[in-house]
Amino acid sequence: MKHFLLFALLGMGMFDVSAQSFETTTVASGVSDPLNITRIDLDKDGDQDILSFGGDVNIEFFSNNGDGTYTQKTLYNGPRGLSYFEVADMDNDTELDIVACDILDEKFVFLKNDGNENFTENIISNHVDVLNNPINFTIANFDTDDYKDIVVCASHANDTYGLFFLKNNGDGTFATPDEIEEDDFINKVVSTDIDGDNDIDIIISKNGMFTNGGLYKGINNGSGSFTYTAITTSEKFDDIKLFNMDGDNDMDFIARTNTNHWAWYENDGSANFTKNEISHPYAESNDLVEFYPFNIGNDNDMDLFFFSSIKGDTNMDKFDVGYYENDGDQNFTIHLLFEDQPEFAGAIPLDFNDDGDLDFFLASEDNSSIVFYKNLTFDTPTNIDSHENSNIKLFPNPVTDILMVECDENVHSIEISNLSGRVVYRKENKSQNMQVELSDLPSGVYNLVLVMDQQRVVKRIVKK
């Protein structure tokens, strides 16, 4: 069994497991059940912030200060049973709003952002309106009118359960729900274009206690009406996540059954799906496994970050964390990062500073915290900063004011970020040579990302 040593110092530490070293920074502590962890620039200051639930009553906002620290603010205090939220501009005022559902109080709300991260509650529906018991939903422009609509799993006032389309009127109010399908025990709905016609379609999972489960697709007919058909009805499902597994530009998805089996469903481009099992050691063990698709190493195929709980001798939950590496042909090799951890509630995998390594946030239920794990291992992937024949020249480096960039192929864009991940310079371009004005940039070390015809390259520069 692998173990790691954690050296705590002012909220930071370091550990080394499976030949990968991580530095940990606590984003927040004292946050009860930080579920639904989400990373987004809510305040539009160029830094990626964090949102999560705080217990089942609050939505918490952790504003990124740009220096690796976060300031916490409670955005919404709900009644008692918040179960899911999404962030989107619902009224086209350029501010990011929040839509949330509360399954215990049968409440579905639109939280309007005033631009200063103050939110006003607007009821979409509750138990005295047309819909109640909202479980899960997805947001997208389903009818191509430039406003974001909602498809929600809920029950109707006449007690029929199913899937409903809520058209956005353009001002944050919604039209009378239109039933897509009357169907019991729908537990998850996600949205994307699965048939390549530029309309947003839906995929649904079911896990019926007394009825059949299954996976279903709703093909958008162009105006928010859907043709609803089964993908499979042979199993009951708990979760779905969308991603492009094989890099063919068709949206695939991964689904988890109620017996903890996972499979990815390959899209042929016309919304016909082929099941591909993903074997893992936690199947049939009743241990939770959460997968998060993420491209580790920028190699054009999708890998799978995961955490799982293990029932130990004391019957206490112990969690493993690791990832499944895709070899490009959708064969996976497991890499275990660490074992026997306290209970996790959610994760966000990312490449924090574009160096090709896996970094991640983990939200812990046991520790009531959100922690960022920064990968310190330098493991350069084949298509980043490893092209000896690319003839990329950056000079002078260190630089005082003007950085010269010379390449043997066109540079389409250039982006510079500090080591905290904040983008400080970005420019679209299409030439082999360019000058970058950096005189106003504070002294320090920065990552420079070049997107070119055949490659994406990360270089380290120093500003005097």
Protein backbone atom coordinates (compact mmCIF):
# COMPACT_ATOMS: atom_id res chain seq x y z
CA MET A 1 0.00 0.00 0.00
CA LYS A 2 1.36 3.41 -0.94
CA HIS A 3 1.52 6.21 1.62
CA PHE A 4 2.52 9.87 1.48
CA LEU A 5 3.94 12.38 3.92
CA LEU A 6 2.20 15.75 4.22
CA PHE A 7 4.22 18.66 5.57
CA ALA A 8 1.86 21.43 6.66
CA LEU A 9 3.08 25.04 6.57
CA LEU A 10 0.77 28.03 6.59
CA GLY A 11 -2.02 26.09 4.89
CA MET A 12 0.34 24.59 2.30
CA GLY A 13 2.07 21.21 2.04
CA MET A 14 3.82 18.80 -0.31
CA PHE A 15 3.65 15.08 -0.90
CA ASP A 16 5.15 12.60 -3.32
CA VAL A 17 3.19 9.54 -4.48
CA SER A 18 3.66 7.33 -7.54
CA ALA A 19 6.53 9.51 -8.80
CA GLN A 20 4.36 12.62 -8.89
CA SER A 21 4.79 15.49 -6.44
CA PHE A 22 2.03 17.89 -5.47
CA GLU A 23 1.86 21.13 -3.54
CA THR A 24 -1.44 21.60 -1.71
CA THR A 25 -3.17 24.89 -0.98
CA THR A 26 -6.38 25.13 1.01
CA VAL A 27 -8.95 27.18 -0.90
CA ALA A 28 -11.57 26.97 1.86
CA SER A 29 -12.12 25.25 5.19
CA GLY A 30 -15.15 24.86 7.40
CA VAL A 31 -17.43 24.29 4.39
CA SER A 32 -20.00 21.62 5.20
CA ASP A 33 -20.54 19.10 2.38
CA PRO A 34 -18.94 21.12 -0.46
CA LEU A 35 -20.83 19.36 -3.27
CA ASN A 36 -21.27 20.48 -6.89
CA ILE A 37 -17.82 22.12 -6.94
CA THR A 38 -17.57 24.37 -10.01
CA ARG A 39 -14.74 26.49 -11.44
CA ILE A 40 -15.72 29.66 -13.33
CA ASP A 41 -14.79 33.35 -13.49
CA LEU A 42 -17.97 34.58 -11.80
CA ASP A 43 -16.79 38.14 -11.20
CA LYS A 44 -15.12 38.50 -14.62
CA ASP A 45 -11.77 39.72 -13.27
CA GLY A 46 -9.70 37.22 -15.27
CA ASP A 47 -9.25 34.76 -12.38
CA GLN A 48 -11.08 31.45 -12.13
CA ASP A 49 -13.22 31.33 -8.99
CA ILE A 50 -14.81 28.37 -7.18
CA LEU A 51 -18.48 27.76 -6.33
CA SER A 52 -19.93 24.92 -4.28
CA PHE A 53 -22.76 24.02 -1.98
CA GLY A 54 -22.26 24.64 1.73
CA GLY A 55 -24.33 21.86 3.23
CA ASP A 56 -27.72 21.53 1.56
CA VAL A 57 -28.80 25.13 2.18
CA ASN A 58 -26.09 27.51 0.90
CA ILE A 59 -24.32 28.27 -2.37
CA GLU A 60 -20.81 29.46 -1.52
CA PHE A 61 -18.56 31.67 -3.69
CA PHE A 62 -14.78 31.56 -3.31
CA SER A 63 -13.41 34.58 -5.15
CA ASN A 64 -9.90 34.11 -6.53
CA ASN A 65 -7.72 37.00 -5.36
CA GLY A 66 -5.14 36.34 -8.07
CA ASP A 67 -2.39 35.39 -5.63
CA GLY A 68 -3.44 31.83 -4.76
CA THR A 69 -5.80 32.92 -1.97
CA TYR A 70 -9.61 33.01 -2.02
CA THR A 71 -12.26 35.11 -0.28
CA GLN A 72 -15.47 33.32 0.72
CA LYS A 73 -18.96 34.77 0.33
CA THR A 74 -22.37 33.12 0.73
CA LEU A 75 -24.35 33.83 -2.44
CA TYR A 76 -27.61 32.13 -1.55
CA ASN A 77 -29.21 30.70 1.54
CA GLY A 78 -31.81 28.20 0.40
CA PRO A 79 -34.50 26.45 2.40
CA ARG A 80 -33.12 22.96 3.17
CA GLY A 81 -32.59 20.67 0.21
CA LEU A 82 -30.43 22.19 -2.55
CA SER A 83 -29.40 19.39 -4.88
CA TYR A 84 -27.94 20.93 -8.05
CA PHE A 85 -26.98 24.28 -9.62
CA GLU A 86 -25.56 25.61 -12.88
CA VAL A 87 -24.06 28.99 -13.80
CA ALA A 88 -25.13 30.86 -16.97
CA ASP A 89 -26.21 34.29 -18.20
CA MET A 90 -29.97 33.75 -18.22
CA ASP A 91 -31.12 37.26 -19.23
CA ASN A 92 -28.37 38.34 -21.66
CA ASP A 93 -27.06 41.17 -19.47
CA THR A 94 -23.48 39.71 -19.66
CA GLU A 95 -23.58 38.80 -15.95
CA LEU A 96 -23.39 35.17 -14.84
CA ASP A 97 -26.52 34.07 -13.00
CA ILE A 98 -27.29 30.85 -11.12
CA VAL A 99 -30.11 28.35 -11.56
CA ALA A 100 -30.66 25.96 -8.64
CA CYS A 101 -33.13 23.27 -7.60
CA ASP A 102 -34.23 22.27 -4.12
CA ILE A 103 -35.71 18.80 -4.05
CA LEU A 104 -36.97 18.87 -0.44
CA ASP A 105 -38.84 22.16 -0.68
CA GLU A 106 -39.78 21.42 -4.31
CA LYS A 107 -38.31 24.74 -5.40
CA PHE A 108 -36.71 25.76 -8.72
CA VAL A 109 -35.04 29.20 -8.73
CA PHE A 110 -33.24 31.67 -11.01
CA LEU A 111 -30.74 33.77 -9.03
CA LYS A 112 -30.10 37.03 -10.87
CA ASN A 113 -26.62 38.57 -10.59
CA ASP A 114 -26.55 42.38 -10.21
CA GLY A 115 -22.96 42.53 -11.47
CA ASN A 116 -21.42 42.64 -7.99
CA GLU A 117 -22.13 39.01 -7.11
CA ASN A 118 -25.30 39.92 -5.24
CA PHE A 119 -28.13 37.59 -6.24
CA THR A 120 -31.90 38.08 -6.20
CA GLU A 121 -34.12 35.00 -6.04
CA ASN A 122 -36.73 34.57 -8.77
CA ILE A 123 -38.99 31.53 -8.54
CA ILE A 124 -39.17 29.49 -11.75
CA SER A 125 -41.56 27.07 -10.09
CA ASN A 126 -42.34 25.55 -6.71
CA HIS A 127 -44.82 23.12 -5.21
CA VAL A 128 -47.77 25.46 -5.78
CA ASP A 129 -46.89 26.03 -9.44
CA VAL A 130 -46.91 23.78 -12.48
CA LEU A 131 -43.72 21.83 -11.70
CA ASN A 132 -42.42 20.38 -8.45
CA ASN A 133 -39.72 17.97 -7.25
CA PRO A 134 -36.99 19.26 -9.59
CA ILE A 135 -34.10 16.77 -9.48
CA ASN A 136 -31.70 17.74 -12.24
CA PHE A 137 -31.62 20.06 -15.25
CA THR A 138 -29.50 21.33 -18.12
CA ILE A 139 -29.21 24.82 -19.61
CA ALA A 140 -28.75 25.62 -23.32
CA ASN A 141 -30.26 27.64 -26.17
CA PHE A 142 -32.56 24.90 -27.39
CA ASP A 143 -34.70 26.99 -29.78
CA THR A 144 -31.97 29.18 -31.38
CA ASP A 145 -33.46 32.50 -30.18
CA ASP A 146 -30.23 33.57 -28.40
CA TYR A 147 -31.69 32.96 -24.92
CA LYS A 148 -30.72 30.07 -22.67
CA ASP A 149 -33.59 27.68 -21.95
CA ILE A 150 -33.91 24.84 -19.45
CA VAL A 151 -34.73 21.15 -19.69
CA VAL A 152 -35.60 19.79 -16.25
CA CYS A 153 -36.40 16.43 -14.65
CA ALA A 154 -39.41 17.10 -12.43
CA SER A 155 -42.98 16.13 -11.70
CA HIS A 156 -46.02 17.96 -13.03
CA ALA A 157 -48.85 19.37 -10.95
CA ASN A 158 -50.99 16.43 -12.12
CA ASP A 159 -48.41 14.10 -10.49
CA THR A 160 -46.96 12.80 -13.76
CA TYR A 161 -43.18 12.62 -13.65
CA GLY A 162 -41.02 13.35 -16.65
CA LEU A 163 -38.87 15.71 -18.66
CA PHE A 164 -39.96 19.28 -19.39
CA PHE A 165 -38.79 22.12 -21.66
CA LEU A 166 -38.88 25.63 -20.19
CA LYS A 167 -38.53 28.34 -22.82
CA ASN A 168 -36.73 31.50 -21.71
CA ASN A 169 -38.82 34.61 -22.48
CA GLY A 170 -35.65 36.70 -22.61
CA ASP A 171 -35.99 38.50 -19.30
CA GLY A 172 -35.32 35.64 -16.90
CA THR A 173 -38.94 34.47 -16.88
CA PHE A 174 -40.06 31.23 -18.48
CA ALA A 175 -43.00 30.02 -20.51
CA THR A 176 -45.37 27.29 -19.33
CA PRO A 177 -43.45 23.98 -19.22
CA ASP A 178 -43.78 21.81 -22.30
CA GLU A 179 -43.61 18.07 -21.58
CA ILE A 180 -40.95 16.29 -23.61
CA GLU A 181 -41.65 12.85 -22.20
CA GLU A 182 -43.64 11.37 -19.32
CA ASP A 183 -41.12 9.01 -17.82
CA ASP A 184 -40.52 7.89 -14.24
CA PHE A 185 -37.17 7.90 -12.43
CA ILE A 186 -35.19 10.17 -14.74
CA ASN A 187 -32.23 11.27 -12.62
CA LYS A 188 -29.83 13.10 -14.97
CA VAL A 189 -30.06 15.12 -18.18
CA VAL A 190 -27.17 16.64 -20.15
CA SER A 191 -27.17 18.63 -23.38
CA THR A 192 -24.98 18.97 -26.46
CA ASP A 193 -25.24 18.62 -30.25
CA ILE A 194 -24.99 14.85 -30.79
CA ASP A 195 -26.05 14.65 -34.46
CA GLY A 196 -24.05 17.50 -35.99
CA ASP A 197 -26.98 19.68 -37.08
CA ASN A 198 -26.11 22.62 -34.77
CA ASP A 199 -29.22 22.08 -32.60
CA ILE A 200 -28.70 21.22 -28.94
CA ASP A 201 -29.92 17.71 -28.12
CA ILE A 202 -30.24 15.92 -24.77
CA ILE A 203 -29.14 12.62 -23.21
CA ILE A 204 -31.01 11.21 -20.21
CA SER A 205 -30.29 8.52 -17.61
CA LYS A 206 -32.84 6.52 -15.58
CA ASN A 207 -32.51 4.50 -12.41
CA GLY A 208 -35.96 3.23 -11.50
CA MET A 209 -36.38 1.41 -8.22
CA PHE A 210 -39.36 -0.60 -9.49
CA THR A 211 -39.12 0.10 -13.22
CA ASN A 212 -36.61 -0.34 -15.99
CA GLY A 213 -33.70 2.06 -16.19
CA GLY A 214 -31.85 3.04 -19.31
CA LEU A 215 -30.21 5.74 -21.38
CA TYR A 216 -32.27 7.87 -23.76
CA LYS A 217 -31.60 10.58 -26.31
CA GLY A 218 -33.80 13.51 -27.25
CA ILE A 219 -33.05 14.78 -30.76
CA ASN A 220 -33.90 18.47 -31.06
CA ASN A 221 -36.15 19.18 -34.03
CA GLY A 222 -34.92 22.77 -34.12
CA SER A 223 -37.42 24.64 -31.98
CA GLY A 224 -37.08 23.01 -28.59
CA SER A 225 -39.23 19.98 -29.42
CA PHE A 226 -37.54 16.61 -29.13
CA THR A 227 -37.79 13.11 -30.57
CA TYR A 228 -37.24 10.83 -27.57
CA THR A 229 -35.80 7.32 -28.15
CA ALA A 230 -33.89 4.71 -26.15
CA ILE A 231 -30.13 4.15 -26.43
CA THR A 232 -30.29 1.16 -24.08
CA THR A 233 -32.77 -0.15 -21.52
CA SER A 234 -30.71 -3.07 -20.21
CA GLU A 235 -29.30 -1.39 -17.11
CA LYS A 236 -30.07 1.27 -14.52
CA PHE A 237 -27.85 4.35 -14.53
CA ASP A 238 -26.71 6.88 -11.93
CA ASP A 239 -24.63 9.38 -13.89
CA ILE A 240 -23.64 10.71 -17.35
CA LYS A 241 -20.74 12.92 -18.40
CA LEU A 242 -20.20 14.31 -21.91
CA PHE A 243 -16.83 14.41 -23.67
CA ASN A 244 -15.10 13.61 -26.96
CA MET A 245 -13.23 10.42 -26.11
CA ASP A 246 -11.58 9.61 -29.43
CA GLY A 247 -10.86 13.08 -30.85
CA ASP A 248 -13.13 12.67 -33.88
CA ASN A 249 -15.19 15.83 -33.16
CA ASP A 250 -18.32 13.80 -32.31
CA MET A 251 -19.58 14.12 -28.76
CA ASP A 252 -19.41 10.84 -26.86
CA PHE A 253 -20.41 10.24 -23.24
CA ILE A 254 -19.55 8.10 -20.25
CA ALA A 255 -22.23 6.54 -18.04
CA ARG A 256 -22.17 4.80 -14.66
CA THR A 257 -24.63 2.03 -13.74
CA ASN A 258 -26.13 1.50 -10.30
CA THR A 259 -23.79 -1.50 -9.96
CA ASN A 260 -20.79 0.81 -10.42
CA HIS A 261 -19.90 -0.30 -13.95
CA TRP A 262 -18.68 2.37 -16.37
CA ALA A 263 -18.77 2.46 -20.15
CA TRP A 264 -18.15 5.10 -22.76
CA TYR A 265 -20.61 5.36 -25.62
CA GLU A 266 -19.02 6.14 -28.98
CA ASN A 267 -20.96 8.47 -31.26
CA ASP A 268 -20.83 7.66 -34.99
CA GLY A 269 -21.64 11.30 -35.81
CA SER A 270 -25.34 10.65 -36.36
CA ALA A 271 -26.29 10.11 -32.70
CA ASN A 272 -25.94 6.32 -32.89
CA PHE A 273 -23.95 5.05 -29.94
CA THR A 274 -21.76 1.96 -29.38
CA LYS A 275 -21.05 0.82 -25.85
CA ASN A 276 -17.40 0.29 -24.76
CA GLU A 277 -16.83 -1.08 -21.25
CA ILE A 278 -14.19 0.50 -19.02
CA SER A 279 -12.88 -2.07 -16.57
CA HIS A 280 -11.81 -0.92 -13.12
CA PRO A 281 -11.10 -2.66 -9.80
CA TYR A 282 -14.02 -1.03 -7.98
CA ALA A 283 -16.87 -2.58 -9.99
CA GLU A 284 -19.43 -4.66 -8.07
CA SER A 285 -17.88 -3.56 -4.78
CA ASN A 286 -20.53 -0.98 -3.86
CA ASP A 287 -17.74 1.58 -3.62
CA LEU A 288 -18.40 4.95 -5.20
CA VAL A 289 -16.36 5.77 -8.30
CA GLU A 290 -16.54 9.23 -9.83
CA PHE A 291 -14.90 9.77 -13.22
CA TYR A 292 -14.01 13.18 -14.67
CA PRO A 293 -12.98 13.22 -18.35
CA PHE A 294 -9.88 15.35 -18.85
CA ASN A 295 -7.13 15.49 -21.47
CA ILE A 296 -3.88 14.94 -19.59
CA GLY A 297 -0.83 15.96 -21.61
CA ASN A 298 -2.67 17.73 -24.46
CA ASP A 299 -2.38 14.62 -26.67
CA ASN A 300 -5.82 14.86 -28.35
CA ASP A 301 -7.36 11.89 -26.55
CA MET A 302 -9.40 11.93 -23.36
CA ASP A 303 -8.17 10.45 -20.09
CA LEU A 304 -10.21 9.88 -16.92
CA PHE A 305 -9.44 11.41 -13.55
CA PHE A 306 -11.21 9.57 -10.70
CA PHE A 307 -11.71 9.17 -7.00
CA SER A 308 -13.31 6.17 -5.29
CA SER A 309 -14.25 5.06 -1.80
CA ILE A 310 -12.99 1.82 -0.30
CA LYS A 311 -14.62 0.01 2.64
CA GLY A 312 -11.77 -0.82 4.99
CA ASP A 313 -11.59 -3.20 7.96
CA THR A 314 -13.18 -0.57 10.17
CA ASN A 315 -15.98 -0.04 7.63
CA MET A 316 -14.81 3.57 7.26
CA ASP A 317 -14.81 5.14 3.81
CA LYS A 318 -11.28 5.45 2.42
CA PHE A 319 -10.79 7.10 -0.93
CA ASP A 320 -8.33 6.44 -3.75
CA VAL A 321 -7.41 9.17 -6.24
CA GLY A 322 -5.84 8.63 -9.64
CA TYR A 323 -6.40 8.61 -13.36
CA TYR A 324 -6.85 6.27 -16.30
CA GLU A 325 -4.44 7.13 -19.11
CA ASN A 326 -5.78 6.72 -22.66
CA ASP A 327 -3.23 5.29 -25.13
CA GLY A 328 -5.03 6.91 -28.09
CA ASP A 329 -6.93 3.75 -28.96
CA GLN A 330 -9.17 3.96 -25.89
CA ASN A 331 -7.17 1.41 -23.93
CA PHE A 332 -6.66 2.60 -20.36
CA THR A 333 -3.85 2.22 -17.82
CA ILE A 334 -4.57 3.10 -14.20
CA HIS A 335 -2.24 5.45 -12.32
CA LEU A 336 -2.92 5.65 -8.59
CA LEU A 337 -1.86 8.98 -7.10
CA PHE A 338 -2.72 8.30 -3.45
CA GLU A 339 -4.80 6.00 -1.28
CA ASP A 340 -6.78 5.85 1.97
CA GLN A 341 -7.91 9.47 1.99
CA PRO A 342 -10.89 11.06 3.80
CA GLU A 343 -14.21 11.19 1.98
CA PHE A 344 -14.34 13.40 -1.11
CA ALA A 345 -17.42 15.15 -2.46
CA GLY A 346 -16.21 16.36 -5.84
CA ALA A 347 -13.24 17.21 -8.03
CA ILE A 348 -12.07 19.49 -10.81
CA PRO A 349 -9.13 18.23 -12.92
CA LEU A 350 -7.23 20.86 -14.89
CA ASP A 351 -3.83 21.86 -16.27
CA PHE A 352 -3.28 24.91 -14.10
CA ASN A 353 -0.32 26.50 -15.84
CA ASP A 354 -0.35 24.80 -19.27
CA ASP A 355 2.66 22.62 -18.52
CA GLY A 356 0.99 19.35 -19.58
CA ASP A 357 0.71 17.99 -16.03
CA LEU A 358 -2.44 17.03 -14.13
CA ASP A 359 -3.47 19.43 -11.36
CA PHE A 360 -6.80 19.23 -9.53
CA PHE A 361 -9.14 20.56 -6.87
CA LEU A 362 -10.66 18.11 -4.37
CA ALA A 363 -13.64 18.90 -2.15
CA SER A 364 -13.67 16.88 1.08
CA GLU A 365 -16.80 16.06 3.07
CA ASP A 366 -14.87 14.66 6.04
CA ASN A 367 -12.56 17.68 6.29
CA SER A 368 -15.18 20.23 5.14
CA SER A 369 -12.60 21.76 2.82
CA ILE A 370 -11.65 22.49 -0.77
CA VAL A 371 -7.97 21.94 -1.56
CA PHE A 372 -5.96 22.65 -4.72
CA TYR A 373 -3.27 20.13 -5.70
CA LYS A 374 -0.60 21.63 -7.93
CA ASN A 375 1.56 19.11 -9.78
CA LEU A 376 5.26 19.83 -9.34
CA THR A 377 6.41 16.97 -11.57
CA PHE A 378 7.96 18.12 -14.82
CA ASP A 379 6.74 15.57 -17.37
CA THR A 380 6.76 17.21 -20.78
CA PRO A 381 4.26 15.67 -23.25
CA THR A 382 5.30 15.11 -26.83
CA ASN A 383 3.49 18.10 -28.28
CA ILE A 384 4.49 20.75 -25.75
CA ASP A 385 7.90 22.41 -25.70
CA SER A 386 9.61 19.34 -27.13
CA HIS A 387 9.96 20.10 -30.85
CA GLU A 388 13.62 20.45 -31.63
CA ASN A 389 12.78 21.19 -35.28
CA SER A 390 10.26 23.92 -34.58
CA ASN A 391 12.99 26.63 -34.41
CA ILE A 392 11.10 28.75 -31.91
CA LYS A 393 13.18 31.69 -30.75
CA LEU A 394 12.30 33.96 -27.83
CA PHE A 395 14.71 36.80 -27.12
CA PRO A 396 15.83 38.46 -25.04
CA ASN A 397 14.92 36.15 -22.17
CA PRO A 398 15.01 37.51 -19.45
CA VAL A 399 13.18 40.43 -21.05
CA THR A 400 12.87 44.06 -19.96
CA ASP A 401 10.31 45.49 -22.39
CA ILE A 402 10.06 43.96 -25.91
CA LEU A 403 10.05 40.17 -26.37
CA MET A 404 10.79 38.99 -29.91
CA VAL A 405 9.11 35.77 -31.09
CA GLU A 406 10.36 34.01 -34.23
CA CYS A 407 9.05 30.67 -35.53
CA ASP A 408 9.21 28.60 -38.71
CA GLU A 409 5.40 28.35 -38.89
CA ASN A 410 2.50 30.71 -38.31
CA VAL A 411 1.59 31.66 -34.75
CA HIS A 412 -2.20 31.94 -34.45
CA SER A 413 -2.33 33.18 -30.87
CA ILE A 414 -0.08 34.02 -27.95
CA GLU A 415 -1.04 33.96 -24.28
CA ILE A 416 1.01 34.79 -21.19
CA SER A 417 -0.02 33.83 -17.65
CA ASN A 418 1.60 34.15 -14.26
CA LEU A 419 2.37 31.11 -12.13
CA SER A 420 -0.98 31.50 -10.34
CA GLY A 421 -2.68 30.86 -13.69
CA ARG A 422 -3.93 34.42 -14.28
CA VAL A 423 -3.78 35.46 -17.94
CA VAL A 424 -1.95 38.78 -18.20
CA TYR A 425 -1.54 39.03 -21.99
CA ARG A 426 -3.44 37.57 -24.93
CA LYS A 427 -3.28 38.37 -28.64
CA GLU A 428 -4.60 36.79 -31.83
CA ASN A 429 -2.00 36.69 -34.59
CA LYS A 430 -1.11 35.00 -37.86
CA SER A 431 2.54 35.50 -38.65
CA GLN A 432 5.86 33.82 -38.00
CA ASN A 433 7.42 36.83 -36.29
CA MET A 434 5.98 39.15 -33.68
CA GLN A 435 6.91 41.65 -30.99
CA VAL A 436 5.33 41.40 -27.55
CA GLU A 437 5.24 44.55 -25.42
CA LEU A 438 5.87 43.58 -21.80
CA SER A 439 7.14 46.80 -20.24
CA ASP A 440 4.06 47.14 -17.98
CA LEU A 441 4.31 43.56 -16.73
CA PRO A 442 5.58 43.14 -13.13
CA SER A 443 8.89 41.34 -12.68
CA GLY A 444 8.58 37.60 -12.33
CA VAL A 445 8.34 34.21 -14.07
CA TYR A 446 5.57 33.60 -16.64
CA ASN A 447 4.29 30.86 -18.95
CA LEU A 448 3.99 31.79 -22.62
CA VAL A 449 1.68 29.66 -24.79
CA LEU A 450 1.98 29.69 -28.59
CA VAL A 451 -0.74 28.11 -30.73
CA MET A 452 0.65 27.33 -34.19
CA ASP A 453 -0.34 25.42 -37.31
CA GLN A 454 0.81 22.00 -36.12
CA GLN A 455 1.48 22.32 -32.43
CA ARG A 456 0.83 24.09 -29.15
CA VAL A 457 3.99 25.09 -27.30
CA VAL A 458 4.56 26.32 -23.75
CA LYS A 459 7.71 28.30 -22.92
CA ARG A 460 8.91 29.83 -19.66
CA ILE A 461 9.97 33.49 -19.75
CA VAL A 462 11.38 35.83 -17.12
CA LYS A 463 10.43 39.50 -16.89
CA LYS A 464 13.08 41.72 -15.31
